[in-house]
Amino acid sequence: MTLVKRALTIKELHAKTGEHVRAAGKSPIPVPVTDRGKLVAVLVSAQLLPKKRRPRRTLIREYATLLAKQKSNDVLEDLDSVRGER
C-alpha cells in the first residue's frame, strides 16, 4: 500500500472536483494537487486534521469585581454608574 496517492493536476481537479474531494474525504491518504508540476495544495480528510481545543474562558479580576458590584438589572443605570458624573 502506498502512503501517497498519485498527484492530481489542477486540470484534473477542475474537471471532476466533487468526485476528487469526496474521495479524499473518505481516504486516510492525502492527495497532492499540482500546478505545472509544482505542489500547490493537498486534499485531506477533515478527520485527519488535529482537533482544535476551545480556550477556557476566564474573567479578568476587574470584570469579575464589576459583576459582583452590580446593583440593578437596568442596563441604563449600569451605564450611568460606569460613566460617572458628566
N, C-alpha and C. Protein backbone atom coordinates (compact mmCIF):
# COMPACT_ATOMS: atom_id res chain seq x y z
N MET A 1 0.83 -1.19 0.00
CA MET A 1 0.00 0.00 0.00
C MET A 1 0.88 1.25 0.00
N THR A 2 0.58 2.16 -0.87
CA THR A 2 1.35 3.39 -0.97
C THR A 2 0.83 4.43 0.03
N LEU A 3 1.72 5.25 0.55
CA LEU A 3 1.32 6.26 1.53
C LEU A 3 0.94 7.58 0.89
N VAL A 4 1.26 7.76 -0.41
CA VAL A 4 0.90 8.98 -1.11
C VAL A 4 0.18 8.59 -2.39
N LYS A 5 -0.99 9.18 -2.60
CA LYS A 5 -1.71 8.94 -3.85
C LYS A 5 -1.04 9.71 -4.97
N ARG A 6 -1.31 9.27 -6.19
CA ARG A 6 -0.79 9.97 -7.36
C ARG A 6 -1.31 11.40 -7.32
N ALA A 7 -0.45 12.33 -7.63
CA ALA A 7 -0.84 13.74 -7.59
C ALA A 7 -1.85 14.05 -8.70
N LEU A 8 -2.80 14.89 -8.36
CA LEU A 8 -3.76 15.40 -9.33
C LEU A 8 -3.25 16.72 -9.87
N THR A 9 -3.51 16.95 -11.14
CA THR A 9 -3.21 18.28 -11.67
C THR A 9 -4.43 19.17 -11.42
N ILE A 10 -4.24 20.46 -11.48
CA ILE A 10 -5.37 21.37 -11.31
C ILE A 10 -6.42 21.10 -12.38
N LYS A 11 -5.98 20.78 -13.59
CA LYS A 11 -6.91 20.50 -14.69
C LYS A 11 -7.77 19.28 -14.35
N GLU A 12 -7.16 18.22 -13.80
CA GLU A 12 -7.92 17.03 -13.41
C GLU A 12 -8.88 17.36 -12.27
N LEU A 13 -8.41 18.13 -11.31
CA LEU A 13 -9.25 18.51 -10.18
C LEU A 13 -10.44 19.35 -10.65
N HIS A 14 -10.19 20.27 -11.55
CA HIS A 14 -11.25 21.13 -12.07
C HIS A 14 -12.31 20.31 -12.81
N ALA A 15 -11.87 19.31 -13.56
CA ALA A 15 -12.79 18.51 -14.37
C ALA A 15 -13.75 17.69 -13.51
N LYS A 16 -13.28 17.21 -12.36
CA LYS A 16 -14.11 16.35 -11.51
C LYS A 16 -13.91 16.69 -10.04
N THR A 17 -14.11 17.96 -9.71
CA THR A 17 -13.86 18.42 -8.34
C THR A 17 -14.61 17.63 -7.29
N GLY A 18 -15.93 17.51 -7.44
CA GLY A 18 -16.74 16.82 -6.44
C GLY A 18 -16.28 15.40 -6.22
N GLU A 19 -16.00 14.70 -7.30
CA GLU A 19 -15.55 13.30 -7.20
C GLU A 19 -14.24 13.20 -6.42
N HIS A 20 -13.28 14.06 -6.76
CA HIS A 20 -11.97 14.01 -6.09
C HIS A 20 -12.06 14.44 -4.61
N VAL A 21 -12.86 15.45 -4.33
CA VAL A 21 -13.00 15.92 -2.95
C VAL A 21 -13.69 14.86 -2.09
N ARG A 22 -14.75 14.24 -2.62
CA ARG A 22 -15.42 13.18 -1.86
C ARG A 22 -14.49 12.00 -1.61
N ALA A 23 -13.71 11.63 -2.62
CA ALA A 23 -12.76 10.51 -2.46
C ALA A 23 -11.70 10.85 -1.41
N ALA A 24 -11.19 12.09 -1.44
CA ALA A 24 -10.19 12.50 -0.45
C ALA A 24 -10.79 12.51 0.95
N GLY A 25 -12.06 12.87 1.07
CA GLY A 25 -12.73 12.89 2.37
C GLY A 25 -12.88 11.52 2.99
N LYS A 26 -12.93 10.50 2.16
CA LYS A 26 -13.07 9.12 2.66
C LYS A 26 -11.73 8.43 2.84
N SER A 27 -10.69 8.97 2.27
CA SER A 27 -9.39 8.31 2.26
C SER A 27 -8.50 8.75 3.43
N PRO A 28 -7.75 7.81 3.99
CA PRO A 28 -6.79 8.18 5.04
C PRO A 28 -5.47 8.71 4.45
N ILE A 29 -5.41 8.77 3.11
CA ILE A 29 -4.18 9.18 2.44
C ILE A 29 -4.38 10.56 1.80
N PRO A 30 -3.52 11.53 2.09
CA PRO A 30 -3.62 12.84 1.47
C PRO A 30 -3.42 12.76 -0.04
N VAL A 31 -4.09 13.65 -0.78
CA VAL A 31 -3.98 13.69 -2.24
C VAL A 31 -3.31 15.00 -2.64
N PRO A 32 -2.08 14.94 -3.17
CA PRO A 32 -1.41 16.16 -3.60
C PRO A 32 -2.05 16.73 -4.86
N VAL A 33 -2.05 18.05 -4.99
CA VAL A 33 -2.54 18.74 -6.18
C VAL A 33 -1.40 19.59 -6.71
N THR A 34 -1.13 19.46 -8.02
CA THR A 34 -0.01 20.18 -8.61
C THR A 34 -0.47 21.15 -9.68
N ASP A 35 0.35 22.17 -9.90
CA ASP A 35 0.14 23.13 -10.99
C ASP A 35 1.45 23.20 -11.75
N ARG A 36 1.44 22.68 -12.98
CA ARG A 36 2.65 22.62 -13.82
C ARG A 36 3.80 21.92 -13.11
N GLY A 37 3.46 20.83 -12.43
CA GLY A 37 4.47 20.01 -11.76
C GLY A 37 4.87 20.48 -10.37
N LYS A 38 4.36 21.61 -9.94
CA LYS A 38 4.71 22.14 -8.61
C LYS A 38 3.56 21.88 -7.64
N LEU A 39 3.85 21.35 -6.47
CA LEU A 39 2.85 21.09 -5.45
C LEU A 39 2.24 22.41 -4.97
N VAL A 40 0.91 22.53 -5.08
CA VAL A 40 0.26 23.78 -4.67
C VAL A 40 -0.77 23.57 -3.57
N ALA A 41 -1.24 22.33 -3.38
CA ALA A 41 -2.25 22.07 -2.36
C ALA A 41 -2.28 20.58 -2.05
N VAL A 42 -2.98 20.25 -0.99
CA VAL A 42 -3.17 18.85 -0.61
C VAL A 42 -4.62 18.68 -0.18
N LEU A 43 -5.31 17.70 -0.76
CA LEU A 43 -6.66 17.36 -0.31
C LEU A 43 -6.51 16.32 0.78
N VAL A 44 -7.15 16.58 1.91
CA VAL A 44 -7.04 15.65 3.03
C VAL A 44 -8.39 15.58 3.74
N SER A 45 -8.70 14.42 4.26
CA SER A 45 -9.94 14.24 5.00
C SER A 45 -9.92 15.13 6.24
N ALA A 46 -11.05 15.75 6.53
CA ALA A 46 -11.15 16.61 7.72
C ALA A 46 -10.91 15.81 9.00
N GLN A 47 -11.17 14.51 8.96
CA GLN A 47 -10.96 13.67 10.14
C GLN A 47 -9.48 13.53 10.49
N LEU A 48 -8.61 13.80 9.52
CA LEU A 48 -7.17 13.69 9.77
C LEU A 48 -6.57 14.97 10.35
N LEU A 49 -7.34 16.05 10.32
CA LEU A 49 -6.85 17.31 10.86
C LEU A 49 -6.89 17.28 12.39
N PRO A 50 -5.94 17.95 13.04
CA PRO A 50 -5.96 17.97 14.50
C PRO A 50 -7.19 18.69 15.02
N LYS A 51 -7.74 18.19 16.10
CA LYS A 51 -8.92 18.81 16.72
C LYS A 51 -8.48 20.07 17.44
N LYS A 52 -9.24 21.15 17.23
CA LYS A 52 -8.94 22.39 17.93
C LYS A 52 -9.63 22.37 19.28
N ARG A 53 -8.90 22.75 20.29
CA ARG A 53 -9.49 22.88 21.62
C ARG A 53 -9.90 24.32 21.81
N ARG A 54 -11.10 24.49 22.33
CA ARG A 54 -11.55 25.84 22.64
C ARG A 54 -10.83 26.31 23.90
N PRO A 55 -10.31 27.52 23.85
CA PRO A 55 -9.64 28.02 25.06
C PRO A 55 -10.67 28.22 26.17
N ARG A 56 -10.22 27.96 27.38
CA ARG A 56 -11.11 28.18 28.53
C ARG A 56 -11.28 29.66 28.73
N ARG A 57 -12.49 30.03 29.01
CA ARG A 57 -12.75 31.44 29.26
C ARG A 57 -12.46 31.76 30.71
N THR A 58 -11.79 32.87 30.89
CA THR A 58 -11.51 33.34 32.24
C THR A 58 -11.89 34.81 32.33
N LEU A 59 -12.39 35.19 33.45
CA LEU A 59 -12.74 36.59 33.67
C LEU A 59 -11.55 37.31 34.28
N ILE A 60 -11.27 38.49 33.76
CA ILE A 60 -10.22 39.26 34.40
C ILE A 60 -10.76 39.76 35.74
N ARG A 61 -9.88 39.95 36.67
CA ARG A 61 -10.26 40.28 38.04
C ARG A 61 -11.15 41.52 38.10
N GLU A 62 -10.82 42.54 37.32
CA GLU A 62 -11.59 43.78 37.36
C GLU A 62 -13.03 43.56 36.89
N TYR A 63 -13.21 42.74 35.85
CA TYR A 63 -14.55 42.47 35.35
C TYR A 63 -15.35 41.64 36.36
N ALA A 64 -14.71 40.68 36.98
CA ALA A 64 -15.39 39.88 38.00
C ALA A 64 -15.84 40.77 39.16
N THR A 65 -15.01 41.73 39.55
CA THR A 65 -15.36 42.67 40.61
C THR A 65 -16.55 43.51 40.19
N LEU A 66 -16.54 44.00 38.95
CA LEU A 66 -17.64 44.81 38.44
C LEU A 66 -18.94 44.00 38.45
N LEU A 67 -18.88 42.75 38.03
CA LEU A 67 -20.08 41.91 38.03
C LEU A 67 -20.61 41.71 39.45
N ALA A 68 -19.71 41.56 40.40
CA ALA A 68 -20.12 41.34 41.78
C ALA A 68 -20.78 42.59 42.38
N LYS A 69 -20.42 43.76 41.88
CA LYS A 69 -20.95 45.01 42.41
C LYS A 69 -22.24 45.46 41.74
N GLN A 70 -22.71 44.73 40.74
CA GLN A 70 -23.92 45.15 40.05
C GLN A 70 -25.07 45.29 41.04
N LYS A 71 -25.75 46.45 40.97
CA LYS A 71 -26.81 46.74 41.92
C LYS A 71 -28.20 46.61 41.32
N SER A 72 -28.28 46.61 39.97
CA SER A 72 -29.61 46.58 39.37
C SER A 72 -29.59 45.70 38.11
N ASN A 73 -30.77 45.48 37.59
CA ASN A 73 -30.90 44.75 36.34
C ASN A 73 -31.18 45.70 35.19
N ASP A 74 -31.05 47.01 35.44
CA ASP A 74 -31.33 48.03 34.44
C ASP A 74 -30.02 48.43 33.76
N VAL A 75 -29.93 48.18 32.47
CA VAL A 75 -28.71 48.46 31.72
C VAL A 75 -28.38 49.94 31.74
N LEU A 76 -29.37 50.79 31.60
CA LEU A 76 -29.12 52.23 31.59
C LEU A 76 -28.53 52.72 32.91
N GLU A 77 -29.03 52.19 34.01
CA GLU A 77 -28.47 52.56 35.32
C GLU A 77 -27.02 52.09 35.42
N ASP A 78 -26.76 50.90 34.92
CA ASP A 78 -25.38 50.39 34.95
C ASP A 78 -24.45 51.25 34.11
N LEU A 79 -24.94 51.68 32.94
CA LEU A 79 -24.12 52.55 32.11
C LEU A 79 -23.85 53.88 32.80
N ASP A 80 -24.88 54.43 33.41
CA ASP A 80 -24.70 55.70 34.12
C ASP A 80 -23.70 55.55 35.26
N SER A 81 -23.71 54.44 35.95
CA SER A 81 -22.78 54.25 37.05
C SER A 81 -21.35 54.09 36.54
N VAL A 82 -21.17 53.49 35.38
CA VAL A 82 -19.84 53.34 34.82
C VAL A 82 -19.33 54.67 34.27
N ARG A 83 -20.22 55.43 33.63
CA ARG A 83 -19.84 56.71 33.04
C ARG A 83 -19.51 57.76 34.08
N GLY A 84 -20.19 57.70 35.20
CA GLY A 84 -19.97 58.68 36.26
C GLY A 84 -20.62 59.99 35.95
N GLU A 85 -20.27 61.00 36.70
CA GLU A 85 -20.83 62.35 36.53
C GLU A 85 -20.30 62.98 35.25
N ARG A 86 -21.19 63.73 34.59
CA ARG A 86 -20.75 64.44 33.38
C ARG A 86 -20.87 65.91 33.56
